[in-house]
Structures are given as C-alpha cells and as structure tokens.
C-alpha cells in the first residue's frame, strides 16, 4: 500500500506564511504603483495648468471635464475632488521617491488636509512608525497630538518637535534629557493607539511631562 501524504500543522503553517507574505508583497506593490500613478496624474494636471496659464475658475472646469472623461473610460476613482487631491499630492511632494509605500492613498488624502508642512510630516512619520490605520490617523489629527507635543513641557522646545517631524523617531529611550519628555509622551500615544480597540485603553492615563 502506497504511503499517503497527510498534511501536518507545521506544513500548513509554513504554506500559510508563504501565501500571506506573497499577498502582502503584491498588495504593497499595487499600492506603491497606485501612489506613483496618482502623483504623476497630479504632475500632468499642474504642468498643463502652468503651460496654458489656466486661472483657478477655468481649472475647476478642466478638472470637471477630465473627471467625466476618465470616469467614462476607467470607472470609479476619478471624481473631481479626487483629481484635486492628486494635484495637491504632486504639489505637496516634489519628489515621488519621498512618498511612503507603507501608507495608502486614503492616508495621504487625510494628510493633504493639513496645510502646515511640519505638522503634515509629523503625522506622516508617525503613521508609518506606528502603523496607524486611516481611522487612527484621523483620530490623532483631531486630538491635536502635534500641538500638544509642542506644548507638552518647558524642556521640550519647538525645534525638537520640528526635528521629530522631519526625521521621525524610533521607539528607543533617548539619553538626552531634552528628548525624554517627547519620547515619554510619544510612546504613551503609540501604546494608547495600540490598545484603542481594547477595553484596557480606558485604564491608560497620560503621563506627566517629566
């Protein structure tokens, strides 16, 4: 009698991990390509406006007509408001390489609502480092996390928070006393974000700015 192959747990787990990793890689590649495409659509719109010296009122009409044509040919995703976001996306990120493939288009639509560059950069870095969902990003923006960090302590000055916005920060305790207050509050917010959907979140209280 021939031996029959019976899948065991370790075999199933290994195959499952392989498939899940492949799915994640494909999803990230698709997301990166989508962001690149939207950035380039924004570039084409801006360059067309500049070459033809289109005024703001004519620009709105141009986007309206463009929206109709693209929707007719390619389907959903090309509303006038979304095309406006693509235009703003290009203007906000001069180099496509600075866009993070770890964030979705919906993340960037939320970020584009922030006009202050340092503030937008801060929330972008935190979204990447903390793995924020779009909902969590919106919640943190609405909670004025950036402004509260700026005012969190006399020891924490504006320049250090702005540096955080430009460079980001990993979760490792700093030795510089001036960074400790920022690190402590930022770590607390990341932990609170992690437990946001759990009952334990109600037990967390914001630390003092020591």
N, C-alpha and C. Protein backbone atom coordinates (compact mmCIF):
# COMPACT_ATOMS: atom_id res chain seq x y z
N UNK A 1 0.84 -1.20 0.00
CA UNK A 1 0.00 0.00 0.00
C UNK A 1 0.88 1.25 0.00
N UNK A 2 0.58 2.17 -0.91
CA UNK A 2 1.39 3.38 -1.02
C UNK A 2 1.18 4.27 0.20
N UNK A 3 2.30 4.94 0.59
CA UNK A 3 2.19 5.89 1.69
C UNK A 3 1.39 7.11 1.25
N UNK A 4 0.48 7.56 2.08
CA UNK A 4 -0.31 8.74 1.78
C UNK A 4 0.25 9.95 2.54
N UNK A 5 0.30 11.09 1.83
CA UNK A 5 0.81 12.31 2.44
C UNK A 5 -0.30 12.98 3.25
N UNK A 6 -0.08 13.09 4.54
CA UNK A 6 -1.06 13.74 5.41
C UNK A 6 -0.47 15.07 5.89
N UNK A 7 -1.07 16.19 5.50
CA UNK A 7 -0.53 17.49 5.91
C UNK A 7 -0.55 17.62 7.43
N UNK A 8 0.57 18.04 8.01
CA UNK A 8 0.59 18.28 9.44
C UNK A 8 0.55 19.79 9.70
N UNK A 9 0.48 20.15 10.96
CA UNK A 9 0.34 21.56 11.32
C UNK A 9 1.49 22.41 10.85
N UNK A 10 2.72 21.91 10.98
CA UNK A 10 3.89 22.69 10.60
C UNK A 10 3.90 22.96 9.09
N UNK A 11 3.48 21.95 8.31
CA UNK A 11 3.43 22.13 6.85
C UNK A 11 2.39 23.19 6.49
N UNK A 12 1.22 23.11 7.10
CA UNK A 12 0.15 24.07 6.82
C UNK A 12 0.58 25.49 7.22
N UNK A 13 1.21 25.59 8.39
CA UNK A 13 1.67 26.90 8.87
C UNK A 13 2.70 27.52 7.93
N UNK A 14 3.62 26.67 7.44
CA UNK A 14 4.67 27.17 6.54
C UNK A 14 4.08 27.66 5.23
N UNK A 15 3.13 26.89 4.68
CA UNK A 15 2.49 27.29 3.42
C UNK A 15 1.65 28.54 3.63
N UNK A 16 0.94 28.60 4.77
CA UNK A 16 0.11 29.76 5.07
C UNK A 16 0.97 31.02 5.16
N UNK A 17 2.11 30.90 5.84
CA UNK A 17 3.00 32.05 5.98
C UNK A 17 3.52 32.51 4.61
N UNK A 18 3.86 31.55 3.77
CA UNK A 18 4.34 31.86 2.42
C UNK A 18 3.28 32.61 1.62
N UNK A 19 2.05 32.13 1.68
CA UNK A 19 0.96 32.76 0.93
C UNK A 19 0.62 34.15 1.48
N UNK A 20 0.63 34.27 2.80
CA UNK A 20 0.32 35.57 3.41
C UNK A 20 1.38 36.61 3.07
N UNK A 21 2.65 36.19 3.09
CA UNK A 21 3.74 37.11 2.72
C UNK A 21 3.63 37.51 1.25
N UNK A 22 3.30 36.55 0.40
CA UNK A 22 3.14 36.86 -1.03
C UNK A 22 2.00 37.84 -1.23
N UNK A 23 0.90 37.64 -0.51
CA UNK A 23 -0.26 38.53 -0.62
C UNK A 23 0.11 39.95 -0.18
N UNK A 24 0.86 40.04 0.95
CA UNK A 24 1.27 41.36 1.45
C UNK A 24 2.18 42.06 0.45
N UNK A 25 3.14 41.31 -0.13
CA UNK A 25 4.07 41.90 -1.09
C UNK A 25 3.35 42.41 -2.32
N UNK A 26 2.39 41.62 -2.83
CA UNK A 26 1.63 42.04 -4.00
C UNK A 26 0.81 43.28 -3.68
N UNK A 27 0.16 43.29 -2.50
CA UNK A 27 -0.66 44.43 -2.10
C UNK A 27 0.18 45.69 -1.98
N UNK A 28 1.41 45.56 -1.42
CA UNK A 28 2.27 46.74 -1.28
C UNK A 28 2.76 47.23 -2.64
N UNK A 29 3.06 46.31 -3.53
CA UNK A 29 3.49 46.70 -4.88
C UNK A 29 2.37 47.44 -5.62
N UNK A 30 1.14 46.92 -5.47
CA UNK A 30 -0.01 47.57 -6.11
C UNK A 30 -0.22 48.95 -5.51
N UNK A 31 -0.11 49.05 -4.18
CA UNK A 31 -0.29 50.34 -3.50
C UNK A 31 0.76 51.35 -3.95
N UNK A 32 2.02 50.91 -4.03
CA UNK A 32 3.10 51.80 -4.47
C UNK A 32 2.87 52.28 -5.89
N UNK A 33 2.43 51.38 -6.75
CA UNK A 33 2.16 51.75 -8.14
C UNK A 33 0.99 52.73 -8.23
N UNK A 34 -0.02 52.52 -7.39
CA UNK A 34 -1.17 53.43 -7.37
C UNK A 34 -0.75 54.83 -6.95
N UNK A 35 0.06 54.92 -5.89
CA UNK A 35 0.53 56.23 -5.43
C UNK A 35 1.37 56.92 -6.50
N UNK A 36 2.24 56.16 -7.16
CA UNK A 36 3.07 56.72 -8.23
C UNK A 36 2.20 57.24 -9.37
N UNK A 37 1.18 56.47 -9.72
CA UNK A 37 0.28 56.86 -10.81
C UNK A 37 -0.47 58.14 -10.45
N UNK A 38 -1.01 58.20 -9.24
CA UNK A 38 -1.76 59.40 -8.81
C UNK A 38 -0.84 60.62 -8.74
N UNK A 39 0.40 60.41 -8.29
CA UNK A 39 1.37 61.51 -8.25
C UNK A 39 1.62 62.05 -9.67
N UNK A 40 1.76 61.14 -10.62
CA UNK A 40 2.01 61.55 -12.00
C UNK A 40 0.79 62.20 -12.65
N UNK A 41 -0.40 61.75 -12.28
CA UNK A 41 -1.61 62.41 -12.78
C UNK A 41 -1.64 63.85 -12.26
N UNK A 42 -1.30 64.01 -10.98
CA UNK A 42 -1.22 65.36 -10.41
C UNK A 42 -0.19 66.22 -11.13
N UNK A 43 0.96 65.62 -11.47
CA UNK A 43 2.00 66.34 -12.19
C UNK A 43 1.50 66.81 -13.56
N UNK A 44 0.81 65.94 -14.29
CA UNK A 44 0.30 66.28 -15.62
C UNK A 44 -0.70 67.43 -15.52
N UNK A 45 -1.57 67.37 -14.50
CA UNK A 45 -2.57 68.44 -14.32
C UNK A 45 -1.89 69.77 -14.06
N UNK A 46 -0.93 69.78 -13.14
CA UNK A 46 -0.24 71.03 -12.78
C UNK A 46 0.54 71.58 -13.97
N UNK A 47 1.26 70.71 -14.68
CA UNK A 47 2.04 71.16 -15.83
C UNK A 47 1.13 71.72 -16.93
N UNK A 48 -0.02 71.09 -17.13
CA UNK A 48 -0.98 71.57 -18.13
C UNK A 48 -1.49 72.96 -17.74
N UNK A 49 -1.79 73.13 -16.46
CA UNK A 49 -2.27 74.43 -15.98
C UNK A 49 -1.20 75.51 -16.16
N UNK A 50 0.05 75.16 -15.86
CA UNK A 50 1.14 76.14 -15.97
C UNK A 50 1.41 76.51 -17.43
N UNK A 51 1.42 75.51 -18.29
CA UNK A 51 1.69 75.76 -19.71
C UNK A 51 0.61 76.62 -20.36
N UNK A 52 -0.63 76.42 -19.93
CA UNK A 52 -1.75 77.14 -20.54
C UNK A 52 -2.21 78.33 -19.70
N UNK A 53 -1.47 78.58 -18.60
CA UNK A 53 -1.77 79.71 -17.72
C UNK A 53 -3.27 79.75 -17.37
N UNK A 54 -3.76 78.61 -16.92
CA UNK A 54 -5.18 78.47 -16.61
C UNK A 54 -5.49 79.11 -15.25
N UNK A 55 -6.51 79.96 -15.22
CA UNK A 55 -6.94 80.58 -13.98
C UNK A 55 -7.71 79.57 -13.13
N UNK A 56 -7.86 79.89 -11.83
CA UNK A 56 -8.47 78.95 -10.88
C UNK A 56 -9.87 78.51 -11.31
N UNK A 57 -10.70 79.47 -11.78
CA UNK A 57 -12.07 79.11 -12.15
C UNK A 57 -12.10 78.18 -13.36
N UNK A 58 -11.20 78.43 -14.35
CA UNK A 58 -11.10 77.54 -15.51
C UNK A 58 -10.52 76.19 -15.10
N UNK A 59 -9.63 76.21 -14.10
CA UNK A 59 -9.01 74.97 -13.62
C UNK A 59 -10.06 74.02 -13.06
N UNK A 60 -11.04 74.57 -12.34
CA UNK A 60 -12.12 73.74 -11.79
C UNK A 60 -12.93 73.09 -12.92
N UNK A 61 -13.19 73.88 -13.95
CA UNK A 61 -13.95 73.35 -15.09
C UNK A 61 -13.16 72.27 -15.82
N UNK A 62 -11.84 72.49 -15.92
CA UNK A 62 -10.97 71.49 -16.57
C UNK A 62 -11.02 70.17 -15.82
N UNK A 63 -10.93 70.23 -14.49
CA UNK A 63 -10.98 69.01 -13.68
C UNK A 63 -12.34 68.32 -13.80
N UNK A 64 -13.38 69.12 -13.90
CA UNK A 64 -14.72 68.55 -14.04
C UNK A 64 -14.84 67.75 -15.35
N UNK A 65 -14.33 68.34 -16.44
CA UNK A 65 -14.38 67.65 -17.74
C UNK A 65 -13.47 66.43 -17.74
N UNK A 66 -12.29 66.59 -17.14
CA UNK A 66 -11.35 65.48 -17.05
C UNK A 66 -11.95 64.33 -16.25
N UNK A 67 -12.64 64.66 -15.16
CA UNK A 67 -13.29 63.67 -14.33
C UNK A 67 -14.32 62.86 -15.12
N UNK A 68 -15.11 63.55 -15.91
CA UNK A 68 -16.13 62.88 -16.72
C UNK A 68 -15.49 61.90 -17.70
N UNK A 69 -14.43 62.36 -18.37
CA UNK A 69 -13.78 61.54 -19.39
C UNK A 69 -13.11 60.31 -18.78
N UNK A 70 -12.38 60.51 -17.67
CA UNK A 70 -11.68 59.38 -17.04
C UNK A 70 -12.66 58.38 -16.42
N UNK A 71 -13.73 58.90 -15.83
CA UNK A 71 -14.74 58.01 -15.23
C UNK A 71 -15.43 57.18 -16.30
N UNK A 72 -15.72 57.82 -17.43
CA UNK A 72 -16.36 57.10 -18.53
C UNK A 72 -15.48 55.96 -19.05
N UNK A 73 -14.16 56.22 -19.09
CA UNK A 73 -13.25 55.23 -19.67
C UNK A 73 -12.72 54.23 -18.65
N UNK A 74 -12.46 54.69 -17.41
CA UNK A 74 -11.79 53.81 -16.43
C UNK A 74 -12.64 53.49 -15.20
N UNK A 75 -13.81 54.09 -15.07
CA UNK A 75 -14.66 53.77 -13.93
C UNK A 75 -14.42 54.68 -12.74
N UNK A 76 -14.76 54.17 -11.54
CA UNK A 76 -14.69 54.99 -10.32
C UNK A 76 -13.25 55.36 -9.96
N UNK A 77 -13.15 56.39 -9.08
CA UNK A 77 -11.84 56.79 -8.57
C UNK A 77 -11.33 58.08 -9.16
N UNK A 78 -12.12 58.69 -10.07
CA UNK A 78 -11.65 59.90 -10.73
C UNK A 78 -12.65 61.05 -10.60
N UNK A 79 -13.24 61.17 -9.42
CA UNK A 79 -14.12 62.29 -9.15
C UNK A 79 -13.30 63.58 -9.17
N UNK A 80 -13.97 64.70 -9.29
CA UNK A 80 -13.25 65.97 -9.32
C UNK A 80 -12.47 66.20 -8.03
N UNK A 81 -13.07 65.82 -6.90
CA UNK A 81 -12.37 66.00 -5.62
C UNK A 81 -11.13 65.12 -5.53
N UNK A 82 -11.20 63.90 -6.09
CA UNK A 82 -10.04 63.01 -6.06
C UNK A 82 -8.93 63.53 -6.99
N UNK A 83 -9.33 64.09 -8.12
CA UNK A 83 -8.35 64.70 -9.02
C UNK A 83 -7.70 65.92 -8.36
N UNK A 84 -8.47 66.66 -7.59
CA UNK A 84 -7.91 67.79 -6.84
C UNK A 84 -6.90 67.31 -5.82
N UNK A 85 -7.19 66.16 -5.20
CA UNK A 85 -6.23 65.58 -4.25
C UNK A 85 -4.95 65.14 -4.96
N UNK A 86 -5.07 64.59 -6.16
CA UNK A 86 -3.88 64.19 -6.92
C UNK A 86 -3.03 65.40 -7.26
N UNK A 87 -3.69 66.48 -7.62
CA UNK A 87 -2.98 67.74 -7.92
C UNK A 87 -2.25 68.23 -6.67
N UNK A 88 -2.96 68.21 -5.53
CA UNK A 88 -2.36 68.65 -4.26
C UNK A 88 -1.24 67.70 -3.83
N UNK A 89 -1.39 66.42 -4.13
CA UNK A 89 -0.40 65.39 -3.80
C UNK A 89 0.93 65.72 -4.49
N UNK A 90 0.86 66.05 -5.76
CA UNK A 90 2.06 66.40 -6.51
C UNK A 90 2.70 67.67 -5.96
N UNK A 91 1.88 68.65 -5.65
CA UNK A 91 2.41 69.93 -5.15
C UNK A 91 3.03 69.79 -3.75
N UNK A 92 2.48 68.87 -2.95
CA UNK A 92 2.99 68.69 -1.58
C UNK A 92 4.26 67.84 -1.54
N UNK A 93 4.42 66.95 -2.52
CA UNK A 93 5.59 66.06 -2.56
C UNK A 93 6.31 66.26 -3.89
N UNK A 94 7.33 67.09 -3.87
CA UNK A 94 8.02 67.45 -5.11
C UNK A 94 8.68 66.25 -5.78
N UNK A 95 9.14 65.30 -4.95
CA UNK A 95 9.76 64.09 -5.50
C UNK A 95 8.92 62.89 -5.13
N UNK A 96 8.60 62.10 -6.13
CA UNK A 96 7.74 60.92 -5.89
C UNK A 96 8.42 59.93 -4.94
N UNK A 97 9.76 59.93 -4.93
CA UNK A 97 10.51 58.99 -4.09
C UNK A 97 10.30 59.25 -2.61
N UNK A 98 9.85 60.48 -2.24
CA UNK A 98 9.64 60.79 -0.82
C UNK A 98 8.32 60.26 -0.30
N UNK A 99 7.48 59.73 -1.19
CA UNK A 99 6.19 59.17 -0.78
C UNK A 99 6.40 57.77 -0.21
N UNK A 100 5.76 57.46 0.90
CA UNK A 100 5.93 56.15 1.52
C UNK A 100 4.91 55.14 1.00
N UNK A 101 5.40 54.02 0.50
CA UNK A 101 4.53 52.95 0.03
C UNK A 101 3.84 52.21 1.17
N UNK A 102 4.22 52.54 2.42
CA UNK A 102 3.58 51.90 3.57
C UNK A 102 2.24 52.55 3.90
N UNK A 103 1.98 53.70 3.31
CA UNK A 103 0.71 54.40 3.53
C UNK A 103 -0.17 54.30 2.30
N UNK A 104 -1.47 54.24 2.51
CA UNK A 104 -2.41 54.14 1.40
C UNK A 104 -2.78 55.52 0.87
N UNK A 105 -3.48 55.53 -0.25
CA UNK A 105 -3.96 56.79 -0.81
C UNK A 105 -4.91 57.48 0.17
N UNK A 106 -5.70 56.72 0.89
CA UNK A 106 -6.61 57.30 1.88
C UNK A 106 -5.84 58.00 3.00
N UNK A 107 -4.68 57.43 3.40
CA UNK A 107 -3.81 58.11 4.37
C UNK A 107 -3.40 59.47 3.84
N UNK A 108 -2.95 59.48 2.58
CA UNK A 108 -2.44 60.72 2.02
C UNK A 108 -3.54 61.76 1.82
N UNK A 109 -4.76 61.30 1.53
CA UNK A 109 -5.88 62.25 1.41
C UNK A 109 -6.13 62.94 2.74
N UNK A 110 -5.99 62.20 3.85
CA UNK A 110 -6.12 62.81 5.18
C UNK A 110 -4.96 63.78 5.44
N UNK A 111 -3.75 63.36 5.09
CA UNK A 111 -2.57 64.21 5.32
C UNK A 111 -2.62 65.49 4.51
N UNK A 112 -3.19 65.42 3.31
CA UNK A 112 -3.25 66.59 2.45
C UNK A 112 -4.19 67.67 2.98
N UNK A 113 -5.03 67.31 3.95
CA UNK A 113 -5.91 68.31 4.56
C UNK A 113 -5.13 69.21 5.52
N UNK A 114 -3.87 68.84 5.81
CA UNK A 114 -3.02 69.63 6.71
C UNK A 114 -2.13 70.55 5.87
N UNK A 115 -2.26 71.85 6.08
CA UNK A 115 -1.50 72.81 5.26
C UNK A 115 -0.08 73.03 5.79
N UNK A 116 0.11 72.91 7.10
CA UNK A 116 1.43 73.10 7.68
C UNK A 116 2.33 71.92 7.34
N UNK A 117 3.46 72.18 6.68
CA UNK A 117 4.33 71.10 6.20
C UNK A 117 4.92 70.27 7.33
N UNK A 118 5.38 70.94 8.40
CA UNK A 118 5.98 70.21 9.52
C UNK A 118 4.94 69.34 10.23
N UNK A 119 3.77 69.89 10.39
CA UNK A 119 2.69 69.13 11.03
C UNK A 119 2.31 67.91 10.18
N UNK A 120 2.19 68.12 8.88
CA UNK A 120 1.86 67.01 7.98
C UNK A 120 2.95 65.96 8.00
N UNK A 121 4.21 66.40 8.00
CA UNK A 121 5.34 65.47 8.02
C UNK A 121 5.35 64.65 9.32
N UNK A 122 5.02 65.31 10.43
CA UNK A 122 4.97 64.62 11.72
C UNK A 122 3.95 63.47 11.68
N UNK A 123 2.73 63.77 11.23
CA UNK A 123 1.69 62.74 11.19
C UNK A 123 2.01 61.65 10.17
N UNK A 124 2.69 62.02 9.10
CA UNK A 124 3.10 61.02 8.11
C UNK A 124 4.10 60.05 8.72
N UNK A 125 5.13 60.60 9.40
CA UNK A 125 6.16 59.75 10.02
C UNK A 125 5.54 58.85 11.09
N UNK A 126 4.64 59.43 11.90
CA UNK A 126 4.02 58.63 12.96
C UNK A 126 3.11 57.54 12.39
N UNK A 127 2.43 57.84 11.28
CA UNK A 127 1.57 56.83 10.65
C UNK A 127 2.40 55.64 10.20
N UNK A 128 3.59 55.91 9.67
CA UNK A 128 4.48 54.84 9.21
C UNK A 128 5.06 54.08 10.40
N UNK A 129 5.62 54.83 11.38
CA UNK A 129 6.28 54.19 12.52
C UNK A 129 5.32 53.41 13.42
N UNK A 130 4.10 53.93 13.57
CA UNK A 130 3.14 53.30 14.48
C UNK A 130 2.15 52.40 13.77
N UNK A 131 2.19 52.38 12.43
CA UNK A 131 1.26 51.53 11.68
C UNK A 131 -0.18 51.97 11.83
N UNK A 132 -0.41 53.30 11.89
CA UNK A 132 -1.77 53.81 12.07
C UNK A 132 -2.66 53.46 10.89
N UNK A 133 -3.88 53.07 11.18
CA UNK A 133 -4.91 52.96 10.13
C UNK A 133 -5.36 54.38 9.77
N UNK A 134 -6.16 54.51 8.72
CA UNK A 134 -6.66 55.83 8.33
C UNK A 134 -7.52 56.39 9.46
N UNK A 135 -8.33 55.53 10.06
CA UNK A 135 -9.19 55.98 11.16
C UNK A 135 -8.37 56.50 12.33
N UNK A 136 -7.28 55.77 12.66
CA UNK A 136 -6.44 56.18 13.77
C UNK A 136 -5.71 57.49 13.46
N UNK A 137 -5.25 57.64 12.22
CA UNK A 137 -4.60 58.88 11.80
C UNK A 137 -5.55 60.06 11.98
N UNK A 138 -6.78 59.89 11.52
CA UNK A 138 -7.78 60.96 11.65
C UNK A 138 -8.04 61.28 13.11
N UNK A 139 -8.10 60.25 13.94
CA UNK A 139 -8.34 60.46 15.37
C UNK A 139 -7.20 61.24 16.02
N UNK A 140 -5.97 60.91 15.65
CA UNK A 140 -4.82 61.61 16.22
C UNK A 140 -4.75 63.06 15.76
N UNK A 141 -5.11 63.29 14.49
CA UNK A 141 -5.14 64.67 13.99
C UNK A 141 -6.21 65.47 14.74
N UNK A 142 -7.39 64.85 14.91
CA UNK A 142 -8.49 65.53 15.60
C UNK A 142 -8.15 65.79 17.07
N UNK A 143 -7.29 64.92 17.65
CA UNK A 143 -6.92 65.09 19.05
C UNK A 143 -5.81 66.12 19.24
N UNK A 144 -5.30 66.68 18.12
CA UNK A 144 -4.24 67.71 18.16
C UNK A 144 -2.97 67.20 18.85
N UNK A 145 -2.59 65.96 18.53
CA UNK A 145 -1.38 65.38 19.13
C UNK A 145 -0.15 66.24 18.87
N UNK A 146 0.01 66.71 17.66
CA UNK A 146 1.18 67.51 17.30
C UNK A 146 1.26 68.77 18.15
N UNK A 147 0.14 69.48 18.27
CA UNK A 147 0.13 70.72 19.04
C UNK A 147 0.38 70.45 20.53
N UNK A 148 -0.17 69.34 21.03
CA UNK A 148 0.02 69.01 22.45
C UNK A 148 1.46 68.66 22.75
N UNK A 149 2.14 68.02 21.79
CA UNK A 149 3.57 67.73 21.98
C UNK A 149 4.38 69.02 22.01
N UNK A 150 3.99 69.97 21.17
CA UNK A 150 4.70 71.25 21.15
C UNK A 150 4.60 71.96 22.50
N UNK A 151 3.46 71.79 23.18
CA UNK A 151 3.22 72.49 24.44
C UNK A 151 3.43 71.59 25.65
N UNK A 152 3.97 70.40 25.44
CA UNK A 152 3.97 69.38 26.49
C UNK A 152 4.85 69.72 27.69
N UNK A 153 5.93 70.44 27.47
CA UNK A 153 6.84 70.70 28.58
C UNK A 153 7.73 71.89 28.26
N UNK A 154 8.17 72.57 29.31
CA UNK A 154 9.11 73.67 29.11
C UNK A 154 10.45 73.17 28.58
N UNK A 155 10.76 71.91 28.90
CA UNK A 155 12.04 71.33 28.46
C UNK A 155 12.01 70.94 26.99
N UNK A 156 10.81 70.84 26.42
CA UNK A 156 10.68 70.41 25.04
C UNK A 156 10.35 71.61 24.18
N UNK A 157 11.32 72.08 23.41
CA UNK A 157 11.06 73.28 22.62
C UNK A 157 10.60 72.92 21.22
N UNK A 158 10.16 73.94 20.53
CA UNK A 158 9.57 73.75 19.21
C UNK A 158 10.54 73.10 18.23
N UNK A 159 11.83 73.48 18.31
CA UNK A 159 12.81 72.96 17.36
C UNK A 159 12.92 71.45 17.43
N UNK A 160 12.82 70.89 18.64
CA UNK A 160 12.96 69.44 18.79
C UNK A 160 11.76 68.71 18.22
N UNK A 161 10.56 69.27 18.38
CA UNK A 161 9.38 68.64 17.81
C UNK A 161 9.41 68.74 16.29
N UNK A 162 9.90 69.87 15.78
CA UNK A 162 10.01 70.03 14.33
C UNK A 162 11.04 69.06 13.76
N UNK A 163 12.11 68.82 14.53
CA UNK A 163 13.10 67.84 14.10
C UNK A 163 12.48 66.45 14.06
N UNK A 164 11.63 66.17 15.03
CA UNK A 164 10.91 64.90 15.06
C UNK A 164 10.02 64.78 13.82
N UNK A 165 9.39 65.87 13.44
CA UNK A 165 8.51 65.86 12.26
C UNK A 165 9.30 65.56 10.99
N UNK A 166 10.52 66.07 10.90
CA UNK A 166 11.32 65.89 9.70
C UNK A 166 11.99 64.52 9.64
N UNK A 167 12.46 64.02 10.79
CA UNK A 167 13.27 62.80 10.78
C UNK A 167 12.55 61.58 11.33
N UNK A 168 11.48 61.80 12.10
CA UNK A 168 10.80 60.68 12.73
C UNK A 168 11.62 60.21 13.93
N UNK A 169 11.10 59.25 14.66
CA UNK A 169 11.82 58.71 15.80
C UNK A 169 11.40 57.26 16.02
N UNK A 170 12.35 56.42 16.35
CA UNK A 170 12.06 55.03 16.65
C UNK A 170 11.83 54.90 18.16
N UNK A 171 11.16 53.81 18.56
CA UNK A 171 10.90 53.59 19.97
C UNK A 171 12.16 53.04 20.65
N UNK A 172 12.99 53.95 21.11
CA UNK A 172 14.15 53.60 21.93
C UNK A 172 14.42 54.80 22.81
N UNK A 173 14.60 54.57 24.11
CA UNK A 173 14.66 55.71 25.03
C UNK A 173 15.90 56.55 24.79
N UNK A 174 15.73 57.87 24.62
CA UNK A 174 16.86 58.75 24.37
C UNK A 174 17.63 59.04 25.66
N UNK A 175 18.92 59.38 25.51
CA UNK A 175 19.72 59.73 26.68
C UNK A 175 19.68 61.24 26.93
N UNK A 176 19.44 62.01 25.87
CA UNK A 176 19.37 63.47 26.02
C UNK A 176 18.14 63.84 26.84
N UNK A 177 18.31 64.52 27.99
CA UNK A 177 17.17 64.87 28.85
C UNK A 177 16.09 65.66 28.12
N UNK A 178 16.51 66.51 27.16
CA UNK A 178 15.54 67.34 26.45
C UNK A 178 14.60 66.52 25.59
N UNK A 179 15.04 65.29 25.21
CA UNK A 179 14.20 64.44 24.37
C UNK A 179 13.30 63.53 25.20
N UNK A 180 13.59 63.40 26.50
CA UNK A 180 12.88 62.40 27.30
C UNK A 180 11.39 62.68 27.41
N UNK A 181 11.03 63.95 27.58
CA UNK A 181 9.61 64.29 27.71
C UNK A 181 8.85 63.96 26.42
N UNK A 182 9.47 64.30 25.28
CA UNK A 182 8.84 63.98 23.98
C UNK A 182 8.70 62.47 23.84
N UNK A 183 9.79 61.76 24.13
CA UNK A 183 9.78 60.29 23.97
C UNK A 183 8.70 59.66 24.84
N UNK A 184 8.58 60.14 26.08
CA UNK A 184 7.62 59.56 27.02
C UNK A 184 6.19 59.75 26.53
N UNK A 185 5.86 60.96 26.09
CA UNK A 185 4.51 61.23 25.62
C UNK A 185 4.21 60.51 24.30
N UNK A 186 5.21 60.49 23.41
CA UNK A 186 5.00 59.84 22.13
C UNK A 186 4.82 58.34 22.31
N UNK A 187 5.61 57.74 23.19
CA UNK A 187 5.46 56.31 23.48
C UNK A 187 4.09 56.02 24.06
N UNK A 188 3.62 56.89 24.95
CA UNK A 188 2.29 56.71 25.53
C UNK A 188 1.21 56.74 24.45
N UNK A 189 1.32 57.69 23.53
CA UNK A 189 0.32 57.80 22.47
C UNK A 189 0.36 56.59 21.55
N UNK A 190 1.56 56.04 21.31
CA UNK A 190 1.64 54.85 20.47
C UNK A 190 1.01 53.65 21.17
N UNK A 191 1.24 53.54 22.49
CA UNK A 191 0.63 52.45 23.25
C UNK A 191 -0.89 52.59 23.29
N UNK A 192 -1.34 53.83 23.49
CA UNK A 192 -2.79 54.08 23.54
C UNK A 192 -3.41 53.74 22.18
N UNK A 193 -2.67 54.08 21.12
CA UNK A 193 -3.16 53.76 19.77
C UNK A 193 -3.30 52.26 19.60
N UNK A 194 -2.33 51.50 20.13
CA UNK A 194 -2.34 50.04 20.01
C UNK A 194 -3.54 49.43 20.73
N UNK A 195 -3.87 49.99 21.90
CA UNK A 195 -4.95 49.45 22.71
C UNK A 195 -6.29 50.12 22.45
N UNK A 196 -6.35 50.94 21.39
CA UNK A 196 -7.54 51.76 21.15
C UNK A 196 -8.82 50.95 21.10
N UNK A 197 -8.78 49.76 20.49
CA UNK A 197 -9.99 48.96 20.35
C UNK A 197 -10.17 47.92 21.47
N UNK A 198 -9.32 48.02 22.49
CA UNK A 198 -9.40 47.06 23.58
C UNK A 198 -9.93 47.74 24.84
N UNK A 199 -10.47 46.96 25.75
CA UNK A 199 -11.01 47.52 26.99
C UNK A 199 -9.92 48.16 27.83
N UNK A 200 -8.66 47.65 27.70
CA UNK A 200 -7.56 48.18 28.52
C UNK A 200 -7.30 49.64 28.24
N UNK A 201 -7.72 50.14 27.08
CA UNK A 201 -7.43 51.53 26.73
C UNK A 201 -7.99 52.48 27.74
N UNK A 202 -9.10 52.13 28.37
CA UNK A 202 -9.73 53.02 29.34
C UNK A 202 -8.91 53.14 30.61
N UNK A 203 -7.96 52.20 30.80
CA UNK A 203 -7.13 52.23 32.01
C UNK A 203 -5.88 53.08 31.82
N UNK A 204 -5.59 53.52 30.56
CA UNK A 204 -4.39 54.29 30.32
C UNK A 204 -4.63 55.75 30.64
N UNK A 205 -3.69 56.36 31.32
CA UNK A 205 -3.78 57.79 31.58
C UNK A 205 -2.49 58.44 31.14
N UNK A 206 -2.59 59.67 30.62
CA UNK A 206 -1.43 60.32 30.03
C UNK A 206 -0.38 60.61 31.08
N UNK A 207 0.91 60.31 30.76
CA UNK A 207 1.99 60.52 31.74
C UNK A 207 2.29 61.98 31.93
N UNK A 208 2.93 62.29 33.04
CA UNK A 208 3.35 63.67 33.29
C UNK A 208 4.54 63.99 32.42
N UNK A 209 4.77 65.27 32.14
CA UNK A 209 5.87 65.66 31.25
C UNK A 209 7.14 65.87 32.02
N UNK A 210 7.71 64.76 32.54
CA UNK A 210 8.93 64.88 33.32
C UNK A 210 10.13 64.70 32.43
